[in-house]
Amino acid sequence: MNDPLDYKIMDSIVVCINDTAGFGRKAFESFSLATDVARDMGVDGDDANDLMVEFFERFSIDLNDYDPYRYFLEEGFSFFSFRRAKDRRGNIPLRVGMLYLALKARRWDTQAFEQATFSNAPLYERTEDIPIDGYKIKSR
């Protein structure tokens, strides 16, 4: 992804995540387009479902070929999960950058989003840049 970041779009994604799943206390120290929603933010199972339903509805995004089983584990234990295809076992990272691209395009494009590369550079440099209250960034 080489285009300059539209912070209006990014900020609306941050607000959506905060409204449905929340952020850890130090989340914005390393929050980047490469942040994995499940592994880095701890959003999985029912919480992931709530987040993605809200994301698609709030921004009127066409789900197209979105498959939650690619990115997230189910809540609790599923005896039959081992029978799912390997690409449907929650092993593929769903990155914040994928949400950004989906919002820009107003549709989910699994192949394009999974092939995209995203920067690990923190999105917010200063506390006052964070679009929600209650979080701080230590000086870098």
Foldseek 3Di string as FASTA:
>chain_A
DPDDDDVVLVLVLVVLCCVQPRADQARLQFQWQQQFCCPRGVQAAPSVVRSVVSLCVVLVAAAVPDQVQQAHAHPDDDPCLVVDDPSRNNPQGDGNNQSSVRSVVSYHDVVVSSPDDIDRHRPDQAPVSRSDPDHGHDHD
